[in-house]
N, C-alpha and C. Protein backbone atom coordinates (compact mmCIF):
# COMPACT_ATOMS: atom_id res chain seq x y z
N MET A 1 -31.29 43.58 35.68
CA MET A 1 -30.63 44.73 35.14
C MET A 1 -29.21 44.35 34.68
N LEU A 2 -28.84 44.86 33.47
CA LEU A 2 -27.51 44.53 32.89
C LEU A 2 -26.41 45.57 33.26
N PRO A 3 -25.18 45.10 33.46
CA PRO A 3 -24.12 46.09 33.67
C PRO A 3 -23.96 47.06 32.46
N ASP A 4 -23.36 48.16 32.66
CA ASP A 4 -23.10 49.13 31.52
C ASP A 4 -22.34 48.44 30.43
N GLY A 5 -22.74 48.65 29.17
CA GLY A 5 -22.04 48.17 27.93
C GLY A 5 -22.63 46.91 27.48
N LEU A 6 -23.56 46.16 28.17
CA LEU A 6 -24.01 44.94 27.74
C LEU A 6 -25.46 45.10 27.36
N ASP A 7 -25.86 44.47 26.32
CA ASP A 7 -27.19 44.57 25.87
C ASP A 7 -28.00 43.29 26.15
N SER A 8 -29.19 43.12 25.67
CA SER A 8 -30.03 42.03 26.02
C SER A 8 -29.63 40.74 25.35
N THR A 9 -28.74 40.72 24.35
CA THR A 9 -28.30 39.47 23.74
C THR A 9 -27.23 38.75 24.53
N THR A 10 -26.65 39.50 25.47
CA THR A 10 -25.68 38.84 26.25
C THR A 10 -26.14 37.86 27.26
N GLN A 11 -25.56 36.68 27.41
CA GLN A 11 -26.01 35.72 28.32
C GLN A 11 -24.96 35.39 29.34
N PRO A 12 -25.41 34.87 30.50
CA PRO A 12 -24.38 34.46 31.48
C PRO A 12 -23.58 33.28 30.97
N CYS A 13 -22.29 33.24 31.24
CA CYS A 13 -21.40 32.16 30.73
C CYS A 13 -20.37 31.92 31.81
N LEU A 14 -20.40 30.77 32.51
CA LEU A 14 -19.39 30.38 33.42
C LEU A 14 -18.82 31.54 34.22
N GLY A 15 -19.62 32.02 35.06
CA GLY A 15 -18.98 32.95 36.08
C GLY A 15 -18.98 34.39 35.58
N GLY A 16 -19.70 34.79 34.55
CA GLY A 16 -19.71 36.16 34.13
C GLY A 16 -20.75 36.40 33.03
N MET A 17 -20.96 37.64 32.77
CA MET A 17 -21.91 38.04 31.69
C MET A 17 -21.11 38.32 30.45
N VAL A 18 -20.82 37.28 29.62
CA VAL A 18 -20.07 37.40 28.43
C VAL A 18 -20.67 36.48 27.42
N GLY A 19 -20.43 36.69 26.07
CA GLY A 19 -20.88 35.75 25.10
C GLY A 19 -22.06 36.27 24.38
N LEU A 20 -22.51 35.45 23.41
CA LEU A 20 -23.66 35.75 22.58
C LEU A 20 -24.73 34.79 23.02
N VAL A 21 -25.92 34.99 22.46
CA VAL A 21 -27.10 34.16 22.73
C VAL A 21 -26.85 32.66 22.41
N SER A 22 -26.04 32.44 21.34
CA SER A 22 -25.79 31.05 20.94
C SER A 22 -24.90 30.34 21.90
N GLY A 23 -24.32 30.95 22.84
CA GLY A 23 -23.41 30.33 23.79
C GLY A 23 -22.18 31.18 24.14
N CYS A 24 -21.20 30.58 24.50
CA CYS A 24 -20.01 31.34 24.93
C CYS A 24 -19.03 31.55 23.83
N ASP A 25 -19.40 32.30 22.78
CA ASP A 25 -18.53 32.55 21.59
C ASP A 25 -17.65 33.72 21.89
N VAL A 26 -16.73 33.61 22.79
CA VAL A 26 -15.89 34.68 23.19
C VAL A 26 -14.40 34.47 22.81
N GLN A 27 -13.81 35.57 22.31
CA GLN A 27 -12.41 35.38 22.03
C GLN A 27 -11.72 36.16 23.21
N ALA A 28 -10.86 35.47 23.89
CA ALA A 28 -10.20 36.08 24.99
C ALA A 28 -9.09 37.04 24.41
N GLN A 29 -9.01 38.20 24.97
CA GLN A 29 -8.02 39.15 24.69
C GLN A 29 -6.74 38.75 25.35
N ARG A 30 -5.65 38.61 24.52
CA ARG A 30 -4.32 38.36 25.07
C ARG A 30 -3.59 39.66 25.27
N PRO A 31 -2.88 39.63 26.35
CA PRO A 31 -2.09 40.90 26.52
C PRO A 31 -0.94 40.91 25.48
N PRO A 32 -0.48 42.05 25.07
CA PRO A 32 0.55 42.11 24.04
C PRO A 32 1.74 41.26 24.44
N ALA A 33 2.33 40.59 23.40
CA ALA A 33 3.47 39.68 23.63
C ALA A 33 4.72 40.52 24.07
N THR A 34 5.40 39.92 24.92
CA THR A 34 6.67 40.60 25.39
C THR A 34 7.66 40.46 24.22
N LEU A 35 8.74 41.30 24.24
CA LEU A 35 9.84 41.18 23.29
C LEU A 35 10.37 39.78 23.23
N GLU A 36 10.58 39.17 24.37
CA GLU A 36 11.17 37.86 24.39
C GLU A 36 10.26 36.85 23.76
N GLU A 37 8.89 37.00 24.07
CA GLU A 37 7.94 36.07 23.44
C GLU A 37 7.91 36.24 21.90
N ARG A 38 7.93 37.41 21.47
CA ARG A 38 7.95 37.75 19.96
C ARG A 38 9.12 37.09 19.34
N ARG A 39 10.33 37.29 19.95
CA ARG A 39 11.55 36.65 19.45
C ARG A 39 11.44 35.10 19.36
N ARG A 40 10.94 34.54 20.45
CA ARG A 40 10.76 33.05 20.49
C ARG A 40 9.81 32.64 19.31
N ILE A 41 8.73 33.36 19.14
CA ILE A 41 7.74 33.00 18.11
C ILE A 41 8.41 33.16 16.69
N GLN A 42 9.19 34.24 16.51
CA GLN A 42 9.92 34.50 15.23
C GLN A 42 10.85 33.34 14.97
N GLU A 43 11.61 32.97 15.95
CA GLU A 43 12.56 31.86 15.84
C GLU A 43 11.88 30.55 15.44
N MET A 44 10.72 30.31 16.08
CA MET A 44 10.00 29.12 15.76
C MET A 44 9.48 29.09 14.35
N TYR A 45 9.01 30.26 13.81
CA TYR A 45 8.58 30.39 12.42
C TYR A 45 9.76 30.25 11.48
N ARG A 46 10.97 30.80 11.86
CA ARG A 46 12.16 30.67 11.05
C ARG A 46 12.44 29.14 10.88
N GLU A 47 12.44 28.50 11.96
CA GLU A 47 12.72 27.06 11.95
C GLU A 47 11.70 26.30 11.04
N LYS A 48 10.46 26.67 11.18
CA LYS A 48 9.46 26.00 10.32
C LYS A 48 9.66 26.28 8.87
N VAL A 49 10.06 27.53 8.52
CA VAL A 49 10.32 27.85 7.20
C VAL A 49 11.57 27.12 6.62
N LYS A 50 12.59 27.02 7.50
CA LYS A 50 13.79 26.17 7.15
C LYS A 50 13.38 24.78 6.86
N GLU A 51 12.63 24.22 7.78
CA GLU A 51 12.17 22.84 7.56
C GLU A 51 11.44 22.62 6.28
N ARG A 52 10.53 23.56 6.02
CA ARG A 52 9.68 23.48 4.79
C ARG A 52 10.62 23.56 3.55
N LYS A 53 11.56 24.54 3.56
CA LYS A 53 12.53 24.62 2.46
C LYS A 53 13.29 23.35 2.23
N ILE A 54 13.80 22.82 3.43
CA ILE A 54 14.57 21.60 3.32
C ILE A 54 13.71 20.48 2.62
N ARG A 55 12.42 20.38 3.07
CA ARG A 55 11.61 19.39 2.54
C ARG A 55 11.40 19.59 0.98
N ILE A 56 11.21 20.87 0.61
CA ILE A 56 11.06 21.18 -0.79
C ILE A 56 12.26 20.76 -1.54
N TYR A 57 13.47 21.15 -1.05
CA TYR A 57 14.66 20.77 -1.69
C TYR A 57 14.87 19.35 -1.75
N GLN A 58 14.55 18.60 -0.65
CA GLN A 58 14.71 17.15 -0.59
C GLN A 58 13.83 16.55 -1.63
N ASN A 59 12.59 17.00 -1.72
CA ASN A 59 11.64 16.40 -2.69
C ASN A 59 12.20 16.66 -4.09
N ALA A 60 12.69 17.86 -4.35
CA ALA A 60 13.19 18.15 -5.70
C ALA A 60 14.41 17.20 -6.03
N LEU A 61 15.30 17.06 -5.03
CA LEU A 61 16.51 16.18 -5.24
C LEU A 61 16.03 14.72 -5.54
N GLU A 62 15.04 14.25 -4.73
CA GLU A 62 14.55 12.90 -5.00
C GLU A 62 13.93 12.74 -6.33
N GLU A 63 13.28 13.75 -6.91
CA GLU A 63 12.73 13.71 -8.20
C GLU A 63 13.87 13.66 -9.21
N VAL A 64 14.78 14.51 -9.03
CA VAL A 64 15.99 14.49 -9.98
C VAL A 64 16.63 13.14 -9.99
N ILE A 65 16.86 12.58 -8.78
CA ILE A 65 17.48 11.14 -8.76
C ILE A 65 16.57 10.17 -9.39
N ARG A 66 15.26 10.17 -9.17
CA ARG A 66 14.36 9.31 -9.80
C ARG A 66 14.42 9.37 -11.36
N ARG A 67 14.45 10.65 -11.84
CA ARG A 67 14.47 10.81 -13.23
C ARG A 67 15.85 10.38 -13.85
N GLU A 68 16.90 10.61 -13.05
CA GLU A 68 18.22 10.16 -13.53
C GLU A 68 18.28 8.64 -13.63
N LYS A 69 17.75 7.97 -12.59
CA LYS A 69 17.69 6.51 -12.65
C LYS A 69 16.84 6.06 -13.79
N ALA A 70 15.74 6.66 -13.96
CA ALA A 70 14.88 6.20 -15.09
C ALA A 70 15.58 6.37 -16.45
N SER A 71 16.35 7.50 -16.63
CA SER A 71 17.02 7.71 -17.83
C SER A 71 18.25 6.87 -17.97
N SER A 72 18.74 6.32 -16.84
CA SER A 72 19.94 5.46 -16.94
C SER A 72 19.61 3.97 -17.12
N MET A 73 18.34 3.70 -17.46
CA MET A 73 17.85 2.34 -17.64
C MET A 73 17.53 2.17 -19.16
N ARG A 74 17.87 0.94 -19.67
CA ARG A 74 17.48 0.58 -21.06
C ARG A 74 16.17 -0.16 -21.00
N HIS A 75 15.17 0.37 -21.65
CA HIS A 75 13.77 -0.19 -21.52
C HIS A 75 13.69 -1.13 -22.78
N VAL A 76 13.43 -2.39 -22.40
CA VAL A 76 13.41 -3.42 -23.53
C VAL A 76 12.07 -4.22 -23.33
N VAL A 77 11.39 -4.43 -24.50
CA VAL A 77 10.18 -5.27 -24.44
C VAL A 77 10.54 -6.60 -25.28
N PHE A 78 10.28 -7.69 -24.75
CA PHE A 78 10.54 -8.95 -25.32
C PHE A 78 9.20 -9.54 -25.84
N LYS A 79 9.11 -9.94 -27.13
CA LYS A 79 7.90 -10.55 -27.65
C LYS A 79 8.29 -11.87 -28.41
N VAL A 80 7.49 -12.91 -28.13
CA VAL A 80 7.70 -14.18 -28.81
C VAL A 80 6.33 -14.83 -29.06
N PRO A 81 6.04 -15.16 -30.34
CA PRO A 81 4.76 -15.89 -30.58
C PRO A 81 4.94 -17.37 -30.17
N PHE A 82 3.89 -17.82 -29.45
CA PHE A 82 3.98 -19.21 -29.02
C PHE A 82 2.55 -19.70 -28.58
N ASN A 83 2.14 -20.85 -29.11
CA ASN A 83 0.84 -21.39 -28.70
C ASN A 83 1.03 -22.26 -27.52
N THR A 84 0.34 -21.93 -26.47
CA THR A 84 0.36 -22.71 -25.26
C THR A 84 -0.90 -23.48 -25.04
N HIS A 85 -0.84 -24.44 -24.17
CA HIS A 85 -2.06 -25.16 -23.77
C HIS A 85 -2.59 -24.60 -22.45
N PHE A 86 -3.80 -24.86 -22.04
CA PHE A 86 -4.31 -24.41 -20.85
C PHE A 86 -3.38 -24.84 -19.69
N GLY A 87 -3.08 -23.92 -18.79
CA GLY A 87 -2.26 -24.17 -17.68
C GLY A 87 -0.77 -23.88 -17.86
N GLN A 88 -0.32 -23.68 -19.19
CA GLN A 88 1.06 -23.33 -19.43
C GLN A 88 1.21 -21.85 -19.49
N ASN A 89 2.39 -21.41 -19.00
CA ASN A 89 2.74 -20.05 -18.99
C ASN A 89 4.20 -19.93 -19.51
N LEU A 90 4.51 -18.83 -20.15
CA LEU A 90 5.79 -18.59 -20.64
C LEU A 90 6.60 -17.65 -19.73
N PHE A 91 7.93 -17.93 -19.60
CA PHE A 91 8.73 -17.18 -18.76
C PHE A 91 10.03 -16.82 -19.57
N LEU A 92 10.70 -15.78 -19.08
CA LEU A 92 11.95 -15.38 -19.70
C LEU A 92 13.01 -15.47 -18.60
N ILE A 93 14.12 -16.18 -19.00
CA ILE A 93 15.21 -16.51 -18.10
C ILE A 93 16.52 -16.21 -18.76
N GLY A 94 17.52 -15.79 -18.02
CA GLY A 94 18.79 -15.48 -18.63
C GLY A 94 19.93 -15.17 -17.71
N SER A 95 20.99 -14.59 -18.27
CA SER A 95 22.29 -14.40 -17.61
C SER A 95 22.30 -13.21 -16.69
N ASP A 96 21.32 -12.32 -16.79
CA ASP A 96 21.37 -11.08 -16.05
C ASP A 96 20.50 -11.28 -14.75
N GLU A 97 20.77 -10.44 -13.76
CA GLU A 97 20.00 -10.45 -12.49
C GLU A 97 18.55 -10.15 -12.78
N MET A 98 18.26 -9.26 -13.78
CA MET A 98 16.90 -8.92 -14.19
C MET A 98 16.19 -10.17 -14.76
N LEU A 99 16.91 -11.15 -15.27
CA LEU A 99 16.32 -12.39 -15.86
C LEU A 99 16.48 -13.63 -14.91
N GLY A 100 16.82 -13.36 -13.67
CA GLY A 100 16.91 -14.45 -12.75
C GLY A 100 18.24 -15.24 -12.66
N ASN A 101 19.20 -14.78 -13.41
CA ASN A 101 20.62 -15.46 -13.41
C ASN A 101 20.47 -16.97 -13.55
N TRP A 102 19.64 -17.31 -14.55
CA TRP A 102 19.42 -18.72 -15.01
C TRP A 102 18.69 -19.56 -13.91
N ALA A 103 18.21 -18.99 -12.90
CA ALA A 103 17.48 -19.76 -11.84
C ALA A 103 15.96 -19.73 -12.23
N ALA A 104 15.49 -20.94 -12.57
CA ALA A 104 14.09 -21.08 -13.02
C ALA A 104 13.06 -20.43 -12.11
N GLU A 105 13.26 -20.56 -10.85
CA GLU A 105 12.32 -20.02 -9.82
C GLU A 105 12.30 -18.46 -9.83
N GLN A 106 13.32 -17.91 -10.45
CA GLN A 106 13.40 -16.43 -10.51
C GLN A 106 13.15 -15.88 -11.89
N ALA A 107 12.67 -16.76 -12.85
CA ALA A 107 12.49 -16.35 -14.20
C ALA A 107 11.33 -15.30 -14.25
N VAL A 108 11.36 -14.51 -15.29
CA VAL A 108 10.33 -13.42 -15.40
C VAL A 108 9.12 -13.89 -16.09
N SER A 109 8.01 -13.71 -15.48
CA SER A 109 6.71 -14.11 -16.04
C SER A 109 6.30 -13.25 -17.18
N MET A 110 5.88 -13.85 -18.31
CA MET A 110 5.43 -13.14 -19.46
C MET A 110 3.89 -13.06 -19.48
N VAL A 111 3.42 -12.20 -20.28
CA VAL A 111 1.89 -11.88 -20.38
C VAL A 111 1.42 -12.34 -21.78
N TRP A 112 0.36 -13.12 -21.83
CA TRP A 112 -0.16 -13.54 -23.09
C TRP A 112 -1.01 -12.39 -23.64
N THR A 113 -0.80 -12.07 -24.95
CA THR A 113 -1.60 -11.06 -25.67
C THR A 113 -2.23 -11.68 -26.86
N GLN A 114 -3.03 -10.95 -27.63
CA GLN A 114 -3.72 -11.40 -28.79
C GLN A 114 -2.78 -12.13 -29.78
N ASN A 115 -3.25 -13.00 -30.52
CA ASN A 115 -2.54 -13.81 -31.51
C ASN A 115 -1.42 -14.65 -30.88
N ASN A 116 -1.62 -15.03 -29.65
CA ASN A 116 -0.62 -15.86 -28.95
C ASN A 116 0.76 -15.29 -28.87
N ILE A 117 0.88 -13.98 -28.79
CA ILE A 117 2.13 -13.22 -28.59
C ILE A 117 2.35 -13.13 -27.07
N TRP A 118 3.42 -13.63 -26.57
CA TRP A 118 3.84 -13.52 -25.15
C TRP A 118 4.79 -12.28 -25.01
N THR A 119 4.59 -11.50 -24.05
CA THR A 119 5.47 -10.31 -23.91
C THR A 119 5.85 -10.02 -22.44
N CYS A 120 6.84 -9.37 -22.30
CA CYS A 120 7.31 -8.80 -20.99
C CYS A 120 8.23 -7.61 -21.21
N GLU A 121 8.19 -6.68 -20.25
CA GLU A 121 8.90 -5.46 -20.28
C GLU A 121 9.93 -5.42 -19.23
N LEU A 122 11.18 -5.14 -19.52
CA LEU A 122 12.20 -5.02 -18.51
C LEU A 122 13.07 -3.76 -18.67
N LYS A 123 13.61 -3.32 -17.64
CA LYS A 123 14.52 -2.13 -17.65
C LYS A 123 15.86 -2.60 -17.12
N PHE A 124 16.89 -2.57 -18.00
CA PHE A 124 18.23 -2.99 -17.68
C PHE A 124 19.09 -1.72 -17.31
N PRO A 125 19.89 -1.91 -16.29
CA PRO A 125 20.76 -0.78 -15.95
C PRO A 125 21.77 -0.53 -17.08
N ARG A 126 22.24 0.74 -17.24
CA ARG A 126 23.18 1.04 -18.37
C ARG A 126 24.48 0.20 -18.23
N GLU A 127 24.77 -0.23 -17.06
CA GLU A 127 26.05 -1.03 -16.90
C GLU A 127 25.96 -2.37 -17.51
N ALA A 128 24.76 -2.86 -17.70
CA ALA A 128 24.52 -4.16 -18.40
C ALA A 128 24.90 -4.04 -19.83
N THR A 129 25.80 -4.91 -20.38
CA THR A 129 26.24 -4.68 -21.77
C THR A 129 25.72 -5.85 -22.65
N ARG A 130 25.79 -7.06 -22.13
CA ARG A 130 25.43 -8.28 -22.96
C ARG A 130 24.58 -9.22 -22.15
N VAL A 131 23.47 -9.63 -22.73
CA VAL A 131 22.54 -10.50 -21.94
C VAL A 131 22.25 -11.77 -22.86
N GLU A 132 22.34 -12.86 -22.32
CA GLU A 132 21.89 -14.12 -22.95
C GLU A 132 20.66 -14.60 -22.23
N TYR A 133 19.66 -15.15 -23.06
CA TYR A 133 18.42 -15.54 -22.44
C TYR A 133 17.80 -16.63 -23.24
N LYS A 134 16.74 -17.20 -22.63
CA LYS A 134 15.93 -18.24 -23.30
C LYS A 134 14.51 -18.08 -22.80
N TYR A 135 13.61 -18.74 -23.47
CA TYR A 135 12.19 -18.78 -23.01
C TYR A 135 11.98 -20.10 -22.36
N LEU A 136 11.07 -20.11 -21.42
CA LEU A 136 10.86 -21.30 -20.54
C LEU A 136 9.34 -21.44 -20.39
N ILE A 137 8.83 -22.69 -20.63
CA ILE A 137 7.43 -22.95 -20.36
C ILE A 137 7.29 -23.61 -19.01
N LYS A 138 6.33 -23.09 -18.23
CA LYS A 138 6.07 -23.76 -16.95
C LYS A 138 4.64 -24.19 -16.93
N GLU A 139 4.44 -25.42 -16.47
CA GLU A 139 3.04 -25.95 -16.26
C GLU A 139 3.08 -26.68 -14.91
N GLY A 140 2.63 -25.95 -13.92
CA GLY A 140 2.74 -26.46 -12.60
C GLY A 140 4.23 -26.60 -12.21
N SER A 141 4.68 -27.72 -11.72
CA SER A 141 6.16 -27.92 -11.45
C SER A 141 6.94 -28.37 -12.66
N HIS A 142 6.30 -28.67 -13.72
CA HIS A 142 7.01 -29.15 -14.93
C HIS A 142 7.50 -27.93 -15.75
N MET A 143 8.72 -28.05 -16.29
CA MET A 143 9.27 -26.98 -17.05
C MET A 143 9.86 -27.56 -18.38
N ILE A 144 9.74 -26.74 -19.40
CA ILE A 144 10.22 -27.04 -20.70
C ILE A 144 11.09 -25.86 -21.18
N TRP A 145 12.46 -26.07 -21.32
CA TRP A 145 13.27 -24.96 -21.71
C TRP A 145 13.27 -24.91 -23.26
N GLU A 146 13.43 -23.67 -23.73
CA GLU A 146 13.44 -23.50 -25.17
C GLU A 146 14.68 -24.19 -25.75
N PRO A 147 14.51 -24.99 -26.86
CA PRO A 147 15.69 -25.74 -27.41
C PRO A 147 16.60 -24.73 -28.15
N GLY A 148 17.75 -25.16 -28.56
CA GLY A 148 18.66 -24.40 -29.38
C GLY A 148 19.52 -23.52 -28.62
N GLN A 149 20.15 -22.65 -29.43
CA GLN A 149 21.13 -21.64 -28.80
C GLN A 149 20.43 -20.62 -27.99
N ASN A 150 21.15 -19.98 -27.12
CA ASN A 150 20.60 -18.86 -26.32
C ASN A 150 20.37 -17.64 -27.23
N HIS A 151 19.36 -16.84 -26.92
CA HIS A 151 19.22 -15.52 -27.59
C HIS A 151 20.26 -14.64 -26.97
N VAL A 152 20.85 -13.68 -27.71
CA VAL A 152 21.81 -12.78 -27.20
C VAL A 152 21.47 -11.33 -27.61
N ILE A 153 21.62 -10.45 -26.62
CA ILE A 153 21.49 -9.04 -26.93
C ILE A 153 22.75 -8.31 -26.47
N ASP A 154 23.27 -7.47 -27.35
CA ASP A 154 24.34 -6.60 -26.98
C ASP A 154 23.60 -5.26 -26.67
N LEU A 155 23.36 -4.85 -25.45
CA LEU A 155 22.62 -3.73 -25.03
C LEU A 155 23.20 -2.42 -25.52
N ARG A 156 24.53 -2.33 -25.59
CA ARG A 156 25.13 -1.11 -26.21
C ARG A 156 24.85 -0.97 -27.66
N ARG A 157 24.91 -2.06 -28.36
CA ARG A 157 24.62 -2.03 -29.81
C ARG A 157 23.16 -1.76 -30.00
N LEU A 158 22.29 -2.32 -29.26
CA LEU A 158 20.86 -2.09 -29.32
C LEU A 158 20.59 -0.55 -29.14
N GLU A 159 21.25 0.05 -28.24
CA GLU A 159 21.00 1.41 -28.09
C GLU A 159 21.54 2.24 -29.18
N ALA A 160 22.69 1.83 -29.74
CA ALA A 160 23.29 2.54 -30.88
C ALA A 160 22.42 2.40 -32.13
N LEU A 161 21.66 1.32 -32.28
CA LEU A 161 20.86 1.15 -33.47
C LEU A 161 19.74 2.14 -33.56
N ALA A 162 19.09 2.39 -32.54
CA ALA A 162 18.00 3.33 -32.49
C ALA A 162 17.68 3.71 -31.07
N ARG A 163 17.31 4.92 -30.92
CA ARG A 163 16.89 5.45 -29.55
C ARG A 163 15.56 6.10 -29.76
N PRO A 164 14.47 5.37 -29.96
CA PRO A 164 13.25 5.94 -30.18
C PRO A 164 12.71 6.68 -29.00
N THR A 165 11.97 7.84 -29.26
CA THR A 165 11.41 8.56 -28.14
C THR A 165 9.92 8.69 -28.44
N MET A 166 9.21 8.81 -27.35
CA MET A 166 7.78 9.03 -27.45
C MET A 166 7.59 10.51 -27.40
N SER A 167 6.40 11.01 -27.71
CA SER A 167 6.07 12.44 -27.60
C SER A 167 6.24 12.86 -26.18
N GLY A 168 6.90 14.03 -26.01
CA GLY A 168 7.10 14.45 -24.59
C GLY A 168 8.54 14.17 -24.30
N GLY A 169 9.31 13.47 -25.18
CA GLY A 169 10.73 13.25 -24.90
C GLY A 169 11.06 12.01 -24.09
N ALA A 170 10.09 11.28 -23.67
CA ALA A 170 10.35 10.10 -22.87
C ALA A 170 10.90 9.02 -23.73
N GLU A 171 11.85 8.27 -23.32
CA GLU A 171 12.44 7.23 -24.09
C GLU A 171 11.48 6.07 -24.16
N ALA A 172 11.28 5.57 -25.44
CA ALA A 172 10.39 4.40 -25.68
C ALA A 172 11.22 3.23 -25.52
N ALA A 173 10.55 2.08 -25.49
CA ALA A 173 11.15 0.82 -25.35
C ALA A 173 11.68 0.28 -26.68
N HIS A 174 12.75 -0.50 -26.53
CA HIS A 174 13.30 -1.23 -27.70
C HIS A 174 12.52 -2.55 -27.71
N VAL A 175 11.93 -2.90 -28.82
CA VAL A 175 11.11 -4.15 -28.87
C VAL A 175 11.96 -5.23 -29.53
N ILE A 176 12.09 -6.33 -28.90
CA ILE A 176 12.78 -7.51 -29.42
C ILE A 176 11.69 -8.50 -29.84
N GLN A 177 11.68 -8.81 -31.18
CA GLN A 177 10.78 -9.80 -31.70
C GLN A 177 11.51 -11.09 -31.93
N ASP A 178 11.21 -12.09 -31.10
CA ASP A 178 11.95 -13.41 -31.15
C ASP A 178 11.01 -14.52 -31.78
N SER A 179 11.66 -15.62 -32.02
CA SER A 179 10.97 -16.82 -32.49
C SER A 179 11.51 -17.91 -31.54
N TRP A 180 10.59 -18.79 -31.21
CA TRP A 180 10.87 -19.89 -30.26
C TRP A 180 11.92 -20.85 -30.96
N GLY A 181 12.93 -21.15 -30.27
CA GLY A 181 13.93 -22.06 -30.69
C GLY A 181 14.99 -21.48 -31.73
N ARG A 182 14.98 -20.21 -31.88
CA ARG A 182 15.84 -19.58 -32.87
C ARG A 182 16.77 -18.60 -32.15
N GLY A 183 17.44 -18.97 -31.17
CA GLY A 183 18.33 -18.08 -30.39
C GLY A 183 19.65 -17.94 -31.15
N ASP A 184 19.97 -16.72 -31.45
CA ASP A 184 21.37 -16.36 -32.03
C ASP A 184 21.53 -14.89 -32.01
N ALA A 185 22.76 -14.47 -32.05
CA ALA A 185 23.06 -13.03 -31.93
C ALA A 185 22.62 -12.30 -33.23
N GLN A 186 22.77 -12.99 -34.43
CA GLN A 186 22.44 -12.24 -35.61
C GLN A 186 20.92 -11.90 -35.78
N GLY A 187 20.07 -12.81 -35.41
CA GLY A 187 18.67 -12.70 -35.67
C GLY A 187 18.05 -11.64 -34.76
N VAL A 188 18.69 -11.34 -33.59
CA VAL A 188 18.02 -10.48 -32.65
C VAL A 188 17.85 -9.05 -33.13
N TYR A 189 18.83 -8.54 -33.88
CA TYR A 189 18.76 -7.20 -34.33
C TYR A 189 17.78 -6.91 -35.49
N ALA A 190 17.52 -8.00 -36.26
CA ALA A 190 16.55 -7.82 -37.35
C ALA A 190 15.16 -7.51 -36.77
N GLY A 191 14.87 -7.98 -35.63
CA GLY A 191 13.62 -7.81 -34.97
C GLY A 191 13.46 -6.64 -33.94
N VAL A 192 14.52 -5.80 -34.02
CA VAL A 192 14.54 -4.64 -33.05
C VAL A 192 13.71 -3.51 -33.70
N SER A 193 12.90 -2.84 -32.88
CA SER A 193 12.21 -1.63 -33.36
C SER A 193 12.34 -0.61 -32.26
């Protein structure tokens, strides 16, 4: 016989007649929270909301800083046609930290593309004004430096010549078309796009 208020679907569950046939699916009734408990809970939620707002503002600030840094860089692509032999790779080396400060072990690796055009992309800080550089062939531990004068870029003048933009307003790269062994300040700007 079942106590009043319980029907035949109720099953015994750990010391009492509660629950459904599937098991002890019971939600315990909590007594109403005291005023002190409600205040503590409210304060906890206020703190969580503050933390969330702080995270949102922090993420927004980080994004602004990231975009500012990106816009404060000069994006330059270097291209030079050069036929290499198997095992040879071209590198870019120069007077700027981005180019390894003339240290061959820190030279920037270039990528071979169709028609034996070697290329690399760099972003120079706005503070950088003038950069001298050369191309370098590495084959194992053997190195061949580009003969002739250094190539020279006046980054301020480069920026003044053209500031191409891509759709969406993002700044496109300035492309420097070089020739092996022909480093000089005059020829650089003829190949800028």
